């Protein structure tokens, strides 16, 4: 492979990784859920979306940017497994705060339900990361996509192309190996489905 081809491939993989970073995916999915399931004024729906987008990734990005500026992480995507623990814990805490705020705002169960999944799944991601580096990018894509099934139906199949593209990008950039990418994709789906089941069968009957 020529140097020009390698450069183009690396640049394409990098752009895909940035475009499909978990906070961007979360903001987009929340926008679909708010449009589909939230009622009330445009202002109310906008507030719901802003809170959801901020607490599912926006504030976390700001924190990582701060860590990078203070040189406490080596890169913006925090490639070192040992440097990920603190951001994951803070991310889960922020998501939990967002969950409480969305409940206070009487957000749709689809909206606060996804925030619930972000909170629990991030804690599980933290636990996994203590022993093994799994792809948070892949979890951050496949997990939220599960919530789009009721909205998009069979058209959700087209989003699998994004999953494959992102997996290719992460391996190409050597951010993860193939098992870490596949595990991240599978964990995003399986853990989110389990959280939805727990939410429907256990949590909602209690409230």
C-alpha atoms as a PDB file:
ATOM      1  CA  UNK A   1       0.000   0.000   0.000  1.00  0.00           C
ATOM      2  CA  UNK A   2       1.400   3.387  -1.019  1.00  0.00           C
ATOM      3  CA  UNK A   3       2.093   6.171   1.469  1.00  0.00           C
ATOM      4  CA  UNK A   4      -0.673   8.303  -0.078  1.00  0.00           C
ATOM      5  CA  UNK A   5      -3.172   5.457   0.260  1.00  0.00           C
ATOM      6  CA  UNK A   6      -2.159   4.820   3.851  1.00  0.00           C
ATOM      7  CA  UNK A   7      -2.562   8.515   4.657  1.00  0.00           C
ATOM      8  CA  UNK A   8      -6.016   8.623   3.043  1.00  0.00           C
ATOM      9  CA  UNK A   9      -7.084   5.464   4.882  1.00  0.00           C
ATOM     10  CA  UNK A  10      -5.868   6.783   8.230  1.00  0.00           C
ATOM     11  CA  UNK A  11      -7.533  10.146   7.648  1.00  0.00           C
ATOM     12  CA  UNK A  12     -10.831   8.481   6.737  1.00  0.00           C
ATOM     13  CA  UNK A  13     -10.687   6.238   9.807  1.00  0.00           C
ATOM     14  CA  UNK A  14      -9.933   9.225  12.023  1.00  0.00           C
ATOM     15  CA  UNK A  15     -12.844  11.222  10.631  1.00  0.00           C
ATOM     16  CA  UNK A  16     -15.214   8.307  11.155  1.00  0.00           C
ATOM     17  CA  UNK A  17     -14.038   7.927  14.753  1.00  0.00           C
ATOM     18  CA  UNK A  18     -14.603  11.622  15.431  1.00  0.00           C
ATOM     19  CA  UNK A  19     -17.971  11.744  13.663  1.00  0.00           C
ATOM     20  CA  UNK A  20     -19.236   8.694  15.547  1.00  0.00           C
ATOM     21  CA  UNK A  21     -17.780   9.485  18.965  1.00  0.00           C
ATOM     22  CA  UNK A  22     -20.305   8.370  21.649  1.00  0.00           C
ATOM     23  CA  UNK A  23     -21.467  11.887  22.695  1.00  0.00           C
ATOM     24  CA  UNK A  24     -22.289  12.756  19.071  1.00  0.00           C
ATOM     25  CA  UNK A  25     -24.210   9.507  18.619  1.00  0.00           C
ATOM     26  CA  UNK A  26     -26.051  10.066  21.905  1.00  0.00           C
ATOM     27  CA  UNK A  27     -27.066  13.625  20.958  1.00  0.00           C
ATOM     28  CA  UNK A  28     -28.382  12.426  17.587  1.00  0.00           C
ATOM     29  CA  UNK A  29     -30.336   9.509  19.063  1.00  0.00           C
ATOM     30  CA  UNK A  30     -31.823  11.699  21.791  1.00  0.00           C
ATOM     31  CA  UNK A  31     -32.920  14.157  19.089  1.00  0.00           C
ATOM     32  CA  UNK A  32     -34.833  11.349  17.351  1.00  0.00           C
ATOM     33  CA  UNK A  33     -36.383  10.136  20.612  1.00  0.00           C
ATOM     34  CA  UNK A  34     -37.413  13.641  21.683  1.00  0.00           C
ATOM     35  CA  UNK A  35     -38.973  14.291  18.273  1.00  0.00           C
ATOM     36  CA  UNK A  36     -40.828  10.982  18.304  1.00  0.00           C
ATOM     37  CA  UNK A  37     -42.004  10.737  21.902  1.00  0.00           C
ATOM     38  CA  UNK A  38     -41.916  14.111  23.664  1.00  0.00           C
ATOM     39  CA  UNK A  39     -45.014  16.301  23.765  1.00  0.00           C
ATOM     40  CA  UNK A  40     -45.552  19.858  24.854  1.00  0.00           C
ATOM     41  CA  UNK A  41     -44.032  23.108  23.684  1.00  0.00           C
ATOM     42  CA  UNK A  42     -40.983  23.376  21.474  1.00  0.00           C
ATOM     43  CA  UNK A  43     -39.168  25.003  24.380  1.00  0.00           C
ATOM     44  CA  UNK A  44     -39.927  22.041  26.652  1.00  0.00           C
ATOM     45  CA  UNK A  45     -38.670  19.577  24.066  1.00  0.00           C
ATOM     46  CA  UNK A  46     -35.572  21.668  23.476  1.00  0.00           C
ATOM     47  CA  UNK A  47     -34.800  21.720  27.210  1.00  0.00           C
ATOM     48  CA  UNK A  48     -35.234  17.939  27.361  1.00  0.00           C
ATOM     49  CA  UNK A  49     -32.838  17.462  24.462  1.00  0.00           C
ATOM     50  CA  UNK A  50     -30.231  19.877  25.832  1.00  0.00           C
ATOM     51  CA  UNK A  51     -30.224  18.149  29.224  1.00  0.00           C
ATOM     52  CA  UNK A  52     -30.029  14.711  27.602  1.00  0.00           C
ATOM     53  CA  UNK A  53     -27.268  15.664  25.170  1.00  0.00           C
ATOM     54  CA  UNK A  54     -25.231  17.460  27.837  1.00  0.00           C
ATOM     55  CA  UNK A  55     -25.437  14.679  30.413  1.00  0.00           C
ATOM     56  CA  UNK A  56     -24.907  11.804  27.981  1.00  0.00           C
ATOM     57  CA  UNK A  57     -21.680  13.183  26.577  1.00  0.00           C
ATOM     58  CA  UNK A  58     -21.410  16.949  26.263  1.00  0.00           C
ATOM     59  CA  UNK A  59     -20.148  17.541  29.791  1.00  0.00           C
ATOM     60  CA  UNK A  60     -17.959  14.464  29.573  1.00  0.00           C
ATOM     61  CA  UNK A  61     -16.244  15.874  26.480  1.00  0.00           C
ATOM     62  CA  UNK A  62     -15.579  19.115  28.326  1.00  0.00           C
ATOM     63  CA  UNK A  63     -13.986  17.148  31.177  1.00  0.00           C
ATOM     64  CA  UNK A  64     -11.731  15.151  28.843  1.00  0.00           C
ATOM     65  CA  UNK A  65     -10.668  18.369  27.118  1.00  0.00           C
ATOM     66  CA  UNK A  66      -9.733  19.709  30.560  1.00  0.00           C
ATOM     67  CA  UNK A  67      -7.753  16.549  31.360  1.00  0.00           C
ATOM     68  CA  UNK A  68      -5.912  16.817  28.050  1.00  0.00           C
ATOM     69  CA  UNK A  69      -5.079  20.465  28.645  1.00  0.00           C
ATOM     70  CA  UNK A  70      -3.715  19.568  32.069  1.00  0.00           C
ATOM     71  CA  UNK A  71      -1.764  16.725  30.380  1.00  0.00           C
ATOM     72  CA  UNK A  72      -3.412  14.137  32.597  1.00  0.00           C
ATOM     73  CA  UNK A  73      -4.341  12.054  29.540  1.00  0.00           C
ATOM     74  CA  UNK A  74      -2.157  11.412  26.513  1.00  0.00           C
ATOM     75  CA  UNK A  75      -4.833  12.113  23.856  1.00  0.00           C
ATOM     76  CA  UNK A  76      -8.407  13.295  23.512  1.00  0.00           C
ATOM     77  CA  UNK A  77      -9.750   9.757  23.009  1.00  0.00           C
ATOM     78  CA  UNK A  78      -7.854   8.566  26.132  1.00  0.00           C
ATOM     79  CA  UNK A  79      -6.130   5.589  24.486  1.00  0.00           C
ATOM     80  CA  UNK A  80      -4.428   4.365  27.684  1.00  0.00           C
ATOM     81  CA  UNK A  81      -6.669   1.947  29.596  1.00  0.00           C
ATOM     82  CA  UNK A  82      -5.327   3.094  32.958  1.00  0.00           C
ATOM     83  CA  UNK A  83      -6.353   6.671  32.251  1.00  0.00           C
ATOM     84  CA  UNK A  84      -9.964   5.800  31.495  1.00  0.00           C
ATOM     85  CA  UNK A  85     -11.220   4.818  34.939  1.00  0.00           C
ATOM     86  CA  UNK A  86     -11.756   8.312  36.342  1.00  0.00           C
ATOM     87  CA  UNK A  87     -13.502   9.645  33.201  1.00  0.00           C
ATOM     88  CA  UNK A  88     -15.803   6.607  33.164  1.00  0.00           C
ATOM     89  CA  UNK A  89     -16.800   7.088  36.798  1.00  0.00           C
ATOM     90  CA  UNK A  90     -17.458  10.781  36.330  1.00  0.00           C
ATOM     91  CA  UNK A  91     -19.385  10.040  33.146  1.00  0.00           C
ATOM     92  CA  UNK A  92     -21.651   7.649  35.023  1.00  0.00           C
ATOM     93  CA  UNK A  93     -22.197  10.247  37.752  1.00  0.00           C
ATOM     94  CA  UNK A  94     -23.099  12.928  35.203  1.00  0.00           C
ATOM     95  CA  UNK A  95     -25.478  10.538  33.426  1.00  0.00           C
ATOM     96  CA  UNK A  96     -27.154   9.745  36.727  1.00  0.00           C
ATOM     97  CA  UNK A  97     -27.596  13.459  37.384  1.00  0.00           C
ATOM     98  CA  UNK A  98     -29.106  13.785  33.912  1.00  0.00           C
ATOM     99  CA  UNK A  99     -31.451  10.902  34.666  1.00  0.00           C
ATOM    100  CA  UNK A 100     -32.704  12.625  37.804  1.00  0.00           C
ATOM    101  CA  UNK A 101     -33.155  15.905  35.936  1.00  0.00           C
ATOM    102  CA  UNK A 102     -35.088  14.226  33.115  1.00  0.00           C
ATOM    103  CA  UNK A 103     -37.387  12.557  35.624  1.00  0.00           C
ATOM    104  CA  UNK A 104     -37.963  15.955  37.244  1.00  0.00           C
ATOM    105  CA  UNK A 105     -38.835  17.383  33.820  1.00  0.00           C
ATOM    106  CA  UNK A 106     -41.321  14.539  33.208  1.00  0.00           C
ATOM    107  CA  UNK A 107     -39.431  13.405  30.133  1.00  0.00           C
ATOM    108  CA  UNK A 108     -40.697  10.449  28.115  1.00  0.00           C
ATOM    109  CA  UNK A 109     -39.708   7.022  29.379  1.00  0.00           C
ATOM    110  CA  UNK A 110     -37.877   6.481  26.080  1.00  0.00           C
ATOM    111  CA  UNK A 111     -35.697   9.503  26.783  1.00  0.00           C
ATOM    112  CA  UNK A 112     -34.914   8.961  30.450  1.00  0.00           C
ATOM    113  CA  UNK A 113     -34.751   5.226  29.800  1.00  0.00           C
ATOM    114  CA  UNK A 114     -31.801   5.739  27.482  1.00  0.00           C
ATOM    115  CA  UNK A 115     -30.123   7.894  30.120  1.00  0.00           C
ATOM    116  CA  UNK A 116     -30.696   5.081  32.606  1.00  0.00           C
ATOM    117  CA  UNK A 117     -28.874   2.751  30.207  1.00  0.00           C
ATOM    118  CA  UNK A 118     -25.997   5.206  29.836  1.00  0.00           C
ATOM    119  CA  UNK A 119     -25.606   5.342  33.608  1.00  0.00           C
ATOM    120  CA  UNK A 120     -25.614   1.608  34.245  1.00  0.00           C
ATOM    121  CA  UNK A 121     -23.708   0.607  31.120  1.00  0.00           C
ATOM    122  CA  UNK A 122     -20.962   3.131  31.837  1.00  0.00           C
ATOM    123  CA  UNK A 123     -20.485   1.630  35.293  1.00  0.00           C
ATOM    124  CA  UNK A 124     -20.225  -1.801  33.686  1.00  0.00           C
ATOM    125  CA  UNK A 125     -17.765  -0.361  31.163  1.00  0.00           C
ATOM    126  CA  UNK A 126     -15.707   0.978  34.060  1.00  0.00           C
ATOM    127  CA  UNK A 127     -15.625  -2.471  35.671  1.00  0.00           C
ATOM    128  CA  UNK A 128     -14.577  -4.152  32.409  1.00  0.00           C
ATOM    129  CA  UNK A 129     -11.892  -1.524  31.825  1.00  0.00           C
ATOM    130  CA  UNK A 130     -10.219  -2.455  35.103  1.00  0.00           C
ATOM    131  CA  UNK A 131      -9.136  -5.709  33.461  1.00  0.00           C
ATOM    132  CA  UNK A 132      -9.483  -5.257  29.725  1.00  0.00           C
ATOM    133  CA  UNK A 133      -9.700  -2.446  27.189  1.00  0.00           C
ATOM    134  CA  UNK A 134     -13.041  -2.763  25.439  1.00  0.00           C
ATOM    135  CA  UNK A 135     -14.205  -0.378  22.704  1.00  0.00           C
ATOM    136  CA  UNK A 136     -16.311   2.392  24.243  1.00  0.00           C
ATOM    137  CA  UNK A 137     -16.855   3.790  20.734  1.00  0.00           C
ATOM    138  CA  UNK A 138     -18.630   0.610  19.679  1.00  0.00           C
ATOM    139  CA  UNK A 139     -20.678   0.397  22.886  1.00  0.00           C
ATOM    140  CA  UNK A 140     -21.588   4.046  22.455  1.00  0.00           C
ATOM    141  CA  UNK A 141     -22.949   3.354  18.977  1.00  0.00           C
ATOM    142  CA  UNK A 142     -24.716   0.000  19.241  1.00  0.00           C
ATOM    143  CA  UNK A 143     -26.325   0.699  22.636  1.00  0.00           C
ATOM    144  CA  UNK A 144     -28.257   3.846  21.637  1.00  0.00           C
ATOM    145  CA  UNK A 145     -29.171   2.295  18.282  1.00  0.00           C
ATOM    146  CA  UNK A 146     -31.242  -0.299  20.176  1.00  0.00           C
ATOM    147  CA  UNK A 147     -33.526   2.542  21.277  1.00  0.00           C
ATOM    148  CA  UNK A 148     -34.187   3.463  17.646  1.00  0.00           C
ATOM    149  CA  UNK A 149     -35.780   0.110  16.802  1.00  0.00           C
ATOM    150  CA  UNK A 150     -39.325   1.204  17.838  1.00  0.00           C
ATOM    151  CA  UNK A 151     -38.906   4.426  15.833  1.00  0.00           C
ATOM    152  CA  UNK A 152     -37.242   3.189  12.648  1.00  0.00           C
ATOM    153  CA  UNK A 153     -38.333  -0.440  12.532  1.00  0.00           C
ATOM    154  CA  UNK A 154     -36.627  -2.489   9.811  1.00  0.00           C
ATOM    155  CA  UNK A 155     -34.805   0.581   8.545  1.00  0.00           C
ATOM    156  CA  UNK A 156     -32.514   0.174  11.559  1.00  0.00           C
ATOM    157  CA  UNK A 157     -30.651  -2.403   9.433  1.00  0.00           C
ATOM    158  CA  UNK A 158     -29.017   0.426   7.479  1.00  0.00           C
ATOM    159  CA  UNK A 159     -27.335   1.620  10.670  1.00  0.00           C
ATOM    160  CA  UNK A 160     -25.376  -1.632  10.735  1.00  0.00           C
ATOM    161  CA  UNK A 161     -23.250  -0.084   7.996  1.00  0.00           C
ATOM    162  CA  UNK A 162     -22.201   2.593  10.493  1.00  0.00           C
ATOM    163  CA  UNK A 163     -21.341  -0.100  13.029  1.00  0.00           C
ATOM    164  CA  UNK A 164     -19.130  -1.912  10.512  1.00  0.00           C
ATOM    165  CA  UNK A 165     -17.526   1.353   9.384  1.00  0.00           C
ATOM    166  CA  UNK A 166     -16.745   2.419  12.926  1.00  0.00           C
ATOM    167  CA  UNK A 167     -15.321  -0.995  13.778  1.00  0.00           C
ATOM    168  CA  UNK A 168     -13.069  -0.794  10.748  1.00  0.00           C
ATOM    169  CA  UNK A 169     -11.953   2.708  11.755  1.00  0.00           C
ATOM    170  CA  UNK A 170     -11.048   1.726  15.318  1.00  0.00           C
ATOM    171  CA  UNK A 171      -9.012  -1.270  14.149  1.00  0.00           C
ATOM    172  CA  UNK A 172      -7.361   0.726  11.358  1.00  0.00           C
ATOM    173  CA  UNK A 173      -6.287   3.404  13.836  1.00  0.00           C
ATOM    174  CA  UNK A 174      -4.985   0.641  16.134  1.00  0.00           C
ATOM    175  CA  UNK A 175      -7.095   2.073  18.927  1.00  0.00           C
ATOM    176  CA  UNK A 176      -8.451  -1.450  19.463  1.00  0.00           C
ATOM    177  CA  UNK A 177      -7.966  -4.925  18.108  1.00  0.00           C
ATOM    178  CA  UNK A 178     -10.790  -6.899  16.487  1.00  0.00           C
ATOM    179  CA  UNK A 179     -11.880  -8.784  19.662  1.00  0.00           C
ATOM    180  CA  UNK A 180     -12.163  -5.492  21.571  1.00  0.00           C
ATOM    181  CA  UNK A 181     -14.257  -3.978  18.774  1.00  0.00           C
ATOM    182  CA  UNK A 182     -16.556  -7.009  18.503  1.00  0.00           C
ATOM    183  CA  UNK A 183     -16.908  -7.188  22.286  1.00  0.00           C
ATOM    184  CA  UNK A 184     -17.801  -3.496  22.448  1.00  0.00           C
ATOM    185  CA  UNK A 185     -20.436  -3.842  19.740  1.00  0.00           C
ATOM    186  CA  UNK A 186     -21.975  -6.931  21.356  1.00  0.00           C
ATOM    187  CA  UNK A 187     -21.855  -5.445  24.854  1.00  0.00           C
ATOM    188  CA  UNK A 188     -23.649  -2.312  23.693  1.00  0.00           C
ATOM    189  CA  UNK A 189     -26.550  -4.346  22.323  1.00  0.00           C
ATOM    190  CA  UNK A 190     -26.760  -6.996  25.034  1.00  0.00           C
ATOM    191  CA  UNK A 191     -26.332  -4.672  28.014  1.00  0.00           C
ATOM    192  CA  UNK A 192     -28.854  -2.172  26.657  1.00  0.00           C
ATOM    193  CA  UNK A 193     -31.439  -4.880  26.021  1.00  0.00           C
ATOM    194  CA  UNK A 194     -30.894  -6.175  29.555  1.00  0.00           C
ATOM    195  CA  UNK A 195     -31.279  -2.674  30.972  1.00  0.00           C
ATOM    196  CA  UNK A 196     -34.491  -2.140  29.006  1.00  0.00           C
ATOM    197  CA  UNK A 197     -35.843  -5.432  30.328  1.00  0.00           C
ATOM    198  CA  UNK A 198     -34.918  -4.449  33.888  1.00  0.00           C
ATOM    199  CA  UNK A 199     -36.492  -1.039  33.395  1.00  0.00           C
ATOM    200  CA  UNK A 200     -39.761  -2.454  32.064  1.00  0.00           C
ATOM    201  CA  UNK A 201     -40.056  -5.432  34.398  1.00  0.00           C
ATOM    202  CA  UNK A 202     -38.630  -4.104  37.653  1.00  0.00           C
ATOM    203  CA  UNK A 203     -38.159  -0.340  37.786  1.00  0.00           C
ATOM    204  CA  UNK A 204     -41.355   0.953  36.145  1.00  0.00           C
ATOM    205  CA  UNK A 205     -43.704  -1.302  38.210  1.00  0.00           C
ATOM    206  CA  UNK A 206     -42.155   0.203  41.349  1.00  0.00           C
ATOM    207  CA  UNK A 207     -42.707   3.851  40.409  1.00  0.00           C
END
